[in-house]
């Protein structure tokens, strides 16, 4: 694996990234000391499909959902105002 100094890497970054994408990984060094290794990422070309409705039937929302929310709001208001 070849080693490239940081100045050269900055100068030729676009070309080096293209080469790394093709599988030619390399190491970037600073003052002769290896700092990082640049390698190609193997990412899927097609994004994963979102599965809408995959939890259908696994839970239910109660009919009085809005009323529960109003009761909770009143309880929170009492707590905030210091009422009992």
PDB file of N, CA and C in Angstrom:
ATOM      1  N   UNK A   1       0.854  -1.173   0.000  1.00  0.00           N
ATOM      2  CA  UNK A   1       0.000   0.000   0.000  1.00  0.00           C
ATOM      3  C   UNK A   1       0.897   1.232   0.000  1.00  0.00           C
ATOM      4  N   UNK A   2       0.582   2.160  -0.850  1.00  0.00           N
ATOM      5  CA  UNK A   2       1.457   3.340  -0.963  1.00  0.00           C
ATOM      6  C   UNK A   2       1.131   4.378   0.102  1.00  0.00           C
ATOM      7  N   UNK A   3       2.152   5.137   0.435  1.00  0.00           N
ATOM      8  CA  UNK A   3       2.040   6.203   1.423  1.00  0.00           C
ATOM      9  C   UNK A   3       2.226   7.535   0.715  1.00  0.00           C
ATOM     10  N   UNK A   4       1.324   8.466   1.031  1.00  0.00           N
ATOM     11  CA  UNK A   4       1.340   9.790   0.400  1.00  0.00           C
ATOM     12  C   UNK A   4       1.438  10.826   1.503  1.00  0.00           C
ATOM     13  N   UNK A   5       2.304  11.838   1.295  1.00  0.00           N
ATOM     14  CA  UNK A   5       2.393  12.874   2.331  1.00  0.00           C
ATOM     15  C   UNK A   5       1.170  13.775   2.256  1.00  0.00           C
ATOM     16  N   UNK A   6       0.888  14.435   3.345  1.00  0.00           N
ATOM     17  CA  UNK A   6      -0.349  15.212   3.476  1.00  0.00           C
ATOM     18  C   UNK A   6      -0.423  16.360   2.460  1.00  0.00           C
ATOM     19  N   UNK A   7       0.692  16.964   2.144  1.00  0.00           N
ATOM     20  CA  UNK A   7       0.689  18.061   1.164  1.00  0.00           C
ATOM     21  C   UNK A   7       0.275  17.546  -0.206  1.00  0.00           C
ATOM     22  N   UNK A   8       0.819  16.428  -0.616  1.00  0.00           N
ATOM     23  CA  UNK A   8       0.454  15.840  -1.911  1.00  0.00           C
ATOM     24  C   UNK A   8      -1.012  15.417  -1.903  1.00  0.00           C
ATOM     25  N   UNK A   9      -1.485  14.884  -0.777  1.00  0.00           N
ATOM     26  CA  UNK A   9      -2.880  14.455  -0.672  1.00  0.00           C
ATOM     27  C   UNK A   9      -3.822  15.640  -0.831  1.00  0.00           C
ATOM     28  N   UNK A  10      -3.470  16.781  -0.229  1.00  0.00           N
ATOM     29  CA  UNK A  10      -4.304  17.976  -0.371  1.00  0.00           C
ATOM     30  C   UNK A  10      -4.307  18.459  -1.815  1.00  0.00           C
ATOM     31  N   UNK A  11      -3.163  18.381  -2.460  1.00  0.00           N
ATOM     32  CA  UNK A  11      -3.039  18.866  -3.834  1.00  0.00           C
ATOM     33  C   UNK A  11      -3.821  17.986  -4.812  1.00  0.00           C
ATOM     34  N   UNK A  12      -3.813  16.684  -4.593  1.00  0.00           N
ATOM     35  CA  UNK A  12      -4.413  15.741  -5.546  1.00  0.00           C
ATOM     36  C   UNK A  12      -5.590  14.966  -4.945  1.00  0.00           C
ATOM     37  N   UNK A  13      -6.303  15.577  -4.035  1.00  0.00           N
ATOM     38  CA  UNK A  13      -7.354  14.878  -3.297  1.00  0.00           C
ATOM     39  C   UNK A  13      -8.404  14.256  -4.218  1.00  0.00           C
ATOM     40  N   UNK A  14      -8.877  14.995  -5.185  1.00  0.00           N
ATOM     41  CA  UNK A  14      -9.931  14.488  -6.064  1.00  0.00           C
ATOM     42  C   UNK A  14      -9.469  13.232  -6.798  1.00  0.00           C
ATOM     43  N   UNK A  15      -8.279  13.255  -7.347  1.00  0.00           N
ATOM     44  CA  UNK A  15      -7.741  12.099  -8.068  1.00  0.00           C
ATOM     45  C   UNK A  15      -7.548  10.920  -7.114  1.00  0.00           C
ATOM     46  N   UNK A  16      -7.035  11.191  -5.932  1.00  0.00           N
ATOM     47  CA  UNK A  16      -6.795  10.131  -4.955  1.00  0.00           C
ATOM     48  C   UNK A  16      -8.100   9.476  -4.502  1.00  0.00           C
ATOM     49  N   UNK A  17      -9.134  10.272  -4.320  1.00  0.00           N
ATOM     50  CA  UNK A  17     -10.435   9.725  -3.931  1.00  0.00           C
ATOM     51  C   UNK A  17     -10.973   8.827  -5.039  1.00  0.00           C
ATOM     52  N   UNK A  18     -10.832   9.262  -6.291  1.00  0.00           N
ATOM     53  CA  UNK A  18     -11.273   8.431  -7.413  1.00  0.00           C
ATOM     54  C   UNK A  18     -10.524   7.105  -7.442  1.00  0.00           C
ATOM     55  N   UNK A  19      -9.228   7.139  -7.185  1.00  0.00           N
ATOM     56  CA  UNK A  19      -8.432   5.916  -7.166  1.00  0.00           C
ATOM     57  C   UNK A  19      -8.840   5.006  -6.010  1.00  0.00           C
ATOM     58  N   UNK A  20      -9.104   5.606  -4.842  1.00  0.00           N
ATOM     59  CA  UNK A  20      -9.533   4.815  -3.686  1.00  0.00           C
ATOM     60  C   UNK A  20     -10.892   4.171  -3.957  1.00  0.00           C
ATOM     61  N   UNK A  21     -11.751   4.878  -4.662  1.00  0.00           N
ATOM     62  CA  UNK A  21     -13.063   4.340  -5.005  1.00  0.00           C
ATOM     63  C   UNK A  21     -12.935   3.103  -5.894  1.00  0.00           C
ATOM     64  N   UNK A  22     -11.907   3.074  -6.714  1.00  0.00           N
ATOM     65  CA  UNK A  22     -11.668   1.927  -7.596  1.00  0.00           C
ATOM     66  C   UNK A  22     -10.973   0.785  -6.867  1.00  0.00           C
ATOM     67  N   UNK A  23     -10.628   0.981  -5.585  1.00  0.00           N
ATOM     68  CA  UNK A  23     -10.029  -0.081  -4.797  1.00  0.00           C
ATOM     69  C   UNK A  23      -8.559   0.115  -4.477  1.00  0.00           C
ATOM     70  N   UNK A  24      -7.963   1.206  -4.954  1.00  0.00           N
ATOM     71  CA  UNK A  24      -6.542   1.475  -4.711  1.00  0.00           C
ATOM     72  C   UNK A  24      -6.404   2.312  -3.442  1.00  0.00           C
ATOM     73  N   UNK A  25      -6.448   1.651  -2.273  1.00  0.00           N
ATOM     74  CA  UNK A  25      -6.370   2.381  -1.006  1.00  0.00           C
ATOM     75  C   UNK A  25      -4.949   2.877  -0.760  1.00  0.00           C
ATOM     76  N   UNK A  26      -4.818   3.854   0.143  1.00  0.00           N
ATOM     77  CA  UNK A  26      -3.512   4.438   0.420  1.00  0.00           C
ATOM     78  C   UNK A  26      -3.475   4.988   1.839  1.00  0.00           C
ATOM     79  N   UNK A  27      -2.281   5.336   2.277  1.00  0.00           N
ATOM     80  CA  UNK A  27      -2.075   5.900   3.609  1.00  0.00           C
ATOM     81  C   UNK A  27      -1.597   7.334   3.468  1.00  0.00           C
ATOM     82  N   UNK A  28      -2.152   8.219   4.287  1.00  0.00           N
ATOM     83  CA  UNK A  28      -1.696   9.609   4.321  1.00  0.00           C
ATOM     84  C   UNK A  28      -0.790   9.755   5.535  1.00  0.00           C
ATOM     85  N   UNK A  29       0.398  10.316   5.287  1.00  0.00           N
ATOM     86  CA  UNK A  29       1.383  10.481   6.352  1.00  0.00           C
ATOM     87  C   UNK A  29       1.703  11.959   6.553  1.00  0.00           C
ATOM     88  N   UNK A  30       2.079  12.296   7.776  1.00  0.00           N
ATOM     89  CA  UNK A  30       2.505  13.652   8.112  1.00  0.00           C
ATOM     90  C   UNK A  30       3.896  13.537   8.732  1.00  0.00           C
ATOM     91  N   UNK A  31       4.839  14.229   8.137  1.00  0.00           N
ATOM     92  CA  UNK A  31       6.238  14.170   8.583  1.00  0.00           C
ATOM     93  C   UNK A  31       6.751  12.729   8.594  1.00  0.00           C
ATOM     94  N   UNK A  32       6.303  11.939   7.607  1.00  0.00           N
ATOM     95  CA  UNK A  32       6.763  10.566   7.480  1.00  0.00           C
ATOM     96  C   UNK A  32       6.061   9.570   8.379  1.00  0.00           C
ATOM     97  N   UNK A  33       5.152  10.038   9.250  1.00  0.00           N
ATOM     98  CA  UNK A  33       4.445   9.143  10.165  1.00  0.00           C
ATOM     99  C   UNK A  33       3.030   8.893   9.630  1.00  0.00           C
ATOM    100  N   UNK A  34       2.648   7.640   9.442  1.00  0.00           N
ATOM    101  CA  UNK A  34       1.299   7.337   8.952  1.00  0.00           C
ATOM    102  C   UNK A  34       0.228   7.878   9.898  1.00  0.00           C
ATOM    103  N   UNK A  35      -0.773   8.549   9.319  1.00  0.00           N
ATOM    104  CA  UNK A  35      -1.849   9.138  10.132  1.00  0.00           C
ATOM    105  C   UNK A  35      -3.194   8.475   9.871  1.00  0.00           C
ATOM    106  N   UNK A  36      -3.553   8.288   8.588  1.00  0.00           N
ATOM    107  CA  UNK A  36      -4.846   7.699   8.252  1.00  0.00           C
ATOM    108  C   UNK A  36      -4.707   6.791   7.038  1.00  0.00           C
ATOM    109  N   UNK A  37      -5.635   5.846   6.956  1.00  0.00           N
ATOM    110  CA  UNK A  37      -5.715   4.982   5.784  1.00  0.00           C
ATOM    111  C   UNK A  37      -7.006   5.318   5.056  1.00  0.00           C
ATOM    112  N   UNK A  38      -6.921   5.515   3.761  1.00  0.00           N
ATOM    113  CA  UNK A  38      -8.089   5.833   2.949  1.00  0.00           C
ATOM    114  C   UNK A  38      -8.451   4.586   2.154  1.00  0.00           C
ATOM    115  N   UNK A  39      -9.689   4.112   2.357  1.00  0.00           N
ATOM    116  CA  UNK A  39     -10.159   2.926   1.659  1.00  0.00           C
ATOM    117  C   UNK A  39     -11.541   3.183   1.083  1.00  0.00           C
ATOM    118  N   UNK A  40     -11.928   2.357   0.133  1.00  0.00           N
ATOM    119  CA  UNK A  40     -13.243   2.481  -0.496  1.00  0.00           C
ATOM    120  C   UNK A  40     -14.312   1.989   0.468  1.00  0.00           C
ATOM    121  N   UNK A  41     -15.433   2.679   0.494  1.00  0.00           N
ATOM    122  CA  UNK A  41     -16.580   2.230   1.280  1.00  0.00           C
ATOM    123  C   UNK A  41     -17.458   1.362   0.401  1.00  0.00           C
ATOM    124  N   UNK A  42     -17.878   0.244   0.921  1.00  0.00           N
ATOM    125  CA  UNK A  42     -18.798  -0.617   0.191  1.00  0.00           C
ATOM    126  C   UNK A  42     -20.208  -0.310   0.675  1.00  0.00           C
ATOM    127  N   UNK A  43     -20.864   0.605  -0.014  1.00  0.00           N
ATOM    128  CA  UNK A  43     -22.215   1.008   0.354  1.00  0.00           C
ATOM    129  C   UNK A  43     -23.180   0.528  -0.707  1.00  0.00           C
ATOM    130  N   UNK A  44     -24.387   0.201  -0.315  1.00  0.00           N
ATOM    131  CA  UNK A  44     -25.364  -0.232  -1.312  1.00  0.00           C
ATOM    132  C   UNK A  44     -25.713   0.914  -2.260  1.00  0.00           C
ATOM    133  N   UNK A  45     -25.866   0.588  -3.514  1.00  0.00           N
ATOM    134  CA  UNK A  45     -26.196   1.602  -4.521  1.00  0.00           C
ATOM    135  C   UNK A  45     -27.661   2.026  -4.438  1.00  0.00           C
ATOM    136  N   UNK A  46     -28.519   1.097  -4.036  1.00  0.00           N
ATOM    137  CA  UNK A  46     -29.945   1.389  -3.941  1.00  0.00           C
ATOM    138  C   UNK A  46     -30.302   1.577  -2.474  1.00  0.00           C
ATOM    139  N   UNK A  47     -30.922   2.711  -2.134  1.00  0.00           N
ATOM    140  CA  UNK A  47     -31.303   2.909  -0.733  1.00  0.00           C
ATOM    141  C   UNK A  47     -32.354   1.880  -0.301  1.00  0.00           C
ATOM    142  N   UNK A  48     -32.309   1.515   0.951  1.00  0.00           N
ATOM    143  CA  UNK A  48     -33.268   0.543   1.475  1.00  0.00           C
ATOM    144  C   UNK A  48     -34.673   1.116   1.402  1.00  0.00           C
ATOM    145  N   UNK A  49     -35.625   0.262   1.055  1.00  0.00           N
ATOM    146  CA  UNK A  49     -37.013   0.703   0.956  1.00  0.00           C
ATOM    147  C   UNK A  49     -37.593   0.858   2.354  1.00  0.00           C
ATOM    148  N   UNK A  50     -38.387   1.893   2.518  1.00  0.00           N
ATOM    149  CA  UNK A  50     -39.076   2.095   3.785  1.00  0.00           C
ATOM    150  C   UNK A  50     -40.315   1.218   3.806  1.00  0.00           C
ATOM    151  N   UNK A  51     -40.516   0.546   4.889  1.00  0.00           N
ATOM    152  CA  UNK A  51     -41.656  -0.351   5.001  1.00  0.00           C
ATOM    153  C   UNK A  51     -42.769   0.332   5.777  1.00  0.00           C
ATOM    154  N   UNK A  52     -43.649   0.986   5.068  1.00  0.00           N
ATOM    155  CA  UNK A  52     -44.778   1.648   5.719  1.00  0.00           C
ATOM    156  C   UNK A  52     -45.805   0.606   6.145  1.00  0.00           C
ATOM    157  N   UNK A  53     -46.324   0.785   7.319  1.00  0.00           N
ATOM    158  CA  UNK A  53     -47.378  -0.092   7.816  1.00  0.00           C
ATOM    159  C   UNK A  53     -46.893  -1.418   8.371  1.00  0.00           C
ATOM    160  N   UNK A  54     -45.597  -1.567   8.608  1.00  0.00           N
ATOM    161  CA  UNK A  54     -45.088  -2.852   9.083  1.00  0.00           C
ATOM    162  C   UNK A  54     -45.518  -3.171  10.512  1.00  0.00           C
ATOM    163  N   UNK A  55     -46.011  -2.183  11.263  1.00  0.00           N
ATOM    164  CA  UNK A  55     -46.466  -2.437  12.637  1.00  0.00           C
ATOM    165  C   UNK A  55     -47.986  -2.488  12.738  1.00  0.00           C
ATOM    166  N   UNK A  56     -48.650  -2.525  11.590  1.00  0.00           N
ATOM    167  CA  UNK A  56     -50.109  -2.537  11.584  1.00  0.00           C
ATOM    168  C   UNK A  56     -50.625  -3.726  12.386  1.00  0.00           C
ATOM    169  N   UNK A  57     -51.570  -3.463  13.279  1.00  0.00           N
ATOM    170  CA  UNK A  57     -52.173  -4.507  14.095  1.00  0.00           C
ATOM    171  C   UNK A  57     -51.397  -4.839  15.358  1.00  0.00           C
ATOM    172  N   UNK A  58     -50.251  -4.224  15.558  1.00  0.00           N
ATOM    173  CA  UNK A  58     -49.439  -4.531  16.736  1.00  0.00           C
ATOM    174  C   UNK A  58     -49.826  -3.680  17.938  1.00  0.00           C
ATOM    175  N   UNK A  59     -50.559  -2.620  17.722  1.00  0.00           N
ATOM    176  CA  UNK A  59     -50.988  -1.765  18.815  1.00  0.00           C
ATOM    177  C   UNK A  59     -52.302  -1.109  18.429  1.00  0.00           C
ATOM    178  N   UNK A  60     -53.000  -0.581  19.419  1.00  0.00           N
ATOM    179  CA  UNK A  60     -54.250   0.130  19.156  1.00  0.00           C
ATOM    180  C   UNK A  60     -54.224   1.459  19.897  1.00  0.00           C
ATOM    181  N   UNK A  61     -54.955   2.393  19.365  1.00  0.00           N
ATOM    182  CA  UNK A  61     -55.097   3.699  20.004  1.00  0.00           C
ATOM    183  C   UNK A  61     -56.500   3.747  20.592  1.00  0.00           C
ATOM    184  N   UNK A  62     -56.621   4.044  21.879  1.00  0.00           N
ATOM    185  CA  UNK A  62     -57.946   4.059  22.497  1.00  0.00           C
ATOM    186  C   UNK A  62     -58.841   5.141  21.895  1.00  0.00           C
ATOM    187  N   UNK A  63     -60.146   4.881  21.920  1.00  0.00           N
ATOM    188  CA  UNK A  63     -61.104   5.830  21.355  1.00  0.00           C
ATOM    189  C   UNK A  63     -61.081   7.174  22.088  1.00  0.00           C
ATOM    190  N   UNK A  64     -60.781   7.159  23.386  1.00  0.00           N
ATOM    191  CA  UNK A  64     -60.773   8.405  24.163  1.00  0.00           C
ATOM    192  C   UNK A  64     -59.378   9.026  24.243  1.00  0.00           C
ATOM    193  N   UNK A  65     -58.577   8.818  23.215  1.00  0.00           N
ATOM    194  CA  UNK A  65     -57.200   9.324  23.185  1.00  0.00           C
ATOM    195  C   UNK A  65     -57.141  10.831  23.435  1.00  0.00           C
ATOM    196  N   UNK A  66     -58.007  11.590  22.792  1.00  0.00           N
ATOM    197  CA  UNK A  66     -58.017  13.047  22.970  1.00  0.00           C
ATOM    198  C   UNK A  66     -58.390  13.439  24.397  1.00  0.00           C
ATOM    199  N   UNK A  67     -59.288  12.700  25.011  1.00  0.00           N
ATOM    200  CA  UNK A  67     -59.697  12.993  26.387  1.00  0.00           C
ATOM    201  C   UNK A  67     -58.557  12.703  27.362  1.00  0.00           C
ATOM    202  N   UNK A  68     -57.828  11.617  27.110  1.00  0.00           N
ATOM    203  CA  UNK A  68     -56.679  11.293  27.962  1.00  0.00           C
ATOM    204  C   UNK A  68     -55.671  12.434  27.919  1.00  0.00           C
ATOM    205  N   UNK A  69     -55.447  12.974  26.732  1.00  0.00           N
ATOM    206  CA  UNK A  69     -54.501  14.080  26.566  1.00  0.00           C
ATOM    207  C   UNK A  69     -54.967  15.308  27.343  1.00  0.00           C
ATOM    208  N   UNK A  70     -56.260  15.595  27.321  1.00  0.00           N
ATOM    209  CA  UNK A  70     -56.787  16.756  28.046  1.00  0.00           C
ATOM    210  C   UNK A  70     -56.631  16.560  29.549  1.00  0.00           C
ATOM    211  N   UNK A  71     -56.881  15.337  30.049  1.00  0.00           N
ATOM    212  CA  UNK A  71     -56.714  15.056  31.467  1.00  0.00           C
ATOM    213  C   UNK A  71     -55.261  15.243  31.881  1.00  0.00           C
ATOM    214  N   UNK A  72     -54.363  14.760  31.053  1.00  0.00           N
ATOM    215  CA  UNK A  72     -52.939  14.886  31.342  1.00  0.00           C
ATOM    216  C   UNK A  72     -52.523  16.356  31.358  1.00  0.00           C
ATOM    217  N   UNK A  73     -53.050  17.130  30.417  1.00  0.00           N
ATOM    218  CA  UNK A  73     -52.735  18.562  30.384  1.00  0.00           C
ATOM    219  C   UNK A  73     -53.175  19.251  31.672  1.00  0.00           C
ATOM    220  N   UNK A  74     -54.353  18.886  32.184  1.00  0.00           N
ATOM    221  CA  UNK A  74     -54.847  19.491  33.419  1.00  0.00           C
ATOM    222  C   UNK A  74     -53.971  19.096  34.607  1.00  0.00           C
ATOM    223  N   UNK A  75     -53.537  17.827  34.634  1.00  0.00           N
ATOM    224  CA  UNK A  75     -52.659  17.387  35.719  1.00  0.00           C
ATOM    225  C   UNK A  75     -51.323  18.121  35.682  1.00  0.00           C
ATOM    226  N   UNK A  76     -50.776  18.279  34.501  1.00  0.00           N
ATOM    227  CA  UNK A  76     -49.503  19.004  34.360  1.00  0.00           C
ATOM    228  C   UNK A  76     -49.673  20.462  34.779  1.00  0.00           C
ATOM    229  N   UNK A  77     -50.793  21.076  34.378  1.00  0.00           N
ATOM    230  CA  UNK A  77     -51.061  22.464  34.756  1.00  0.00           C
ATOM    231  C   UNK A  77     -51.150  22.613  36.274  1.00  0.00           C
ATOM    232  N   UNK A  78     -51.801  21.673  36.937  1.00  0.00           N
ATOM    233  CA  UNK A  78     -51.898  21.723  38.402  1.00  0.00           C
ATOM    234  C   UNK A  78     -50.526  21.608  39.041  1.00  0.00           C
ATOM    235  N   UNK A  79     -49.706  20.703  38.514  1.00  0.00           N
ATOM    236  CA  UNK A  79     -48.345  20.548  39.047  1.00  0.00           C
ATOM    237  C   UNK A  79     -47.503  21.788  38.848  1.00  0.00           C
ATOM    238  N   UNK A  80     -47.635  22.420  37.699  1.00  0.00           N
ATOM    239  CA  UNK A  80     -46.856  23.617  37.406  1.00  0.00           C
ATOM    240  C   UNK A  80     -47.276  24.794  38.277  1.00  0.00           C
ATOM    241  N   UNK A  81     -48.583  24.874  38.587  1.00  0.00           N
ATOM    242  CA  UNK A  81     -49.086  25.990  39.380  1.00  0.00           C
ATOM    243  C   UNK A  81     -49.026  25.688  40.878  1.00  0.00           C
ATOM    244  N   UNK A  82     -48.652  24.479  41.259  1.00  0.00           N
ATOM    245  CA  UNK A  82     -48.528  24.122  42.658  1.00  0.00           C
ATOM    246  C   UNK A  82     -49.852  23.808  43.306  1.00  0.00           C
ATOM    247  N   UNK A  83     -50.876  23.518  42.517  1.00  0.00           N
ATOM    248  CA  UNK A  83     -52.190  23.174  43.059  1.00  0.00           C
ATOM    249  C   UNK A  83     -52.247  21.685  43.372  1.00  0.00           C
ATOM    250  N   UNK A  84     -53.140  21.339  44.282  1.00  0.00           N
ATOM    251  CA  UNK A  84     -53.331  19.917  44.615  1.00  0.00           C
ATOM    252  C   UNK A  84     -54.696  19.476  44.235  1.00  0.00           C
TER     253      UNK A  84
END
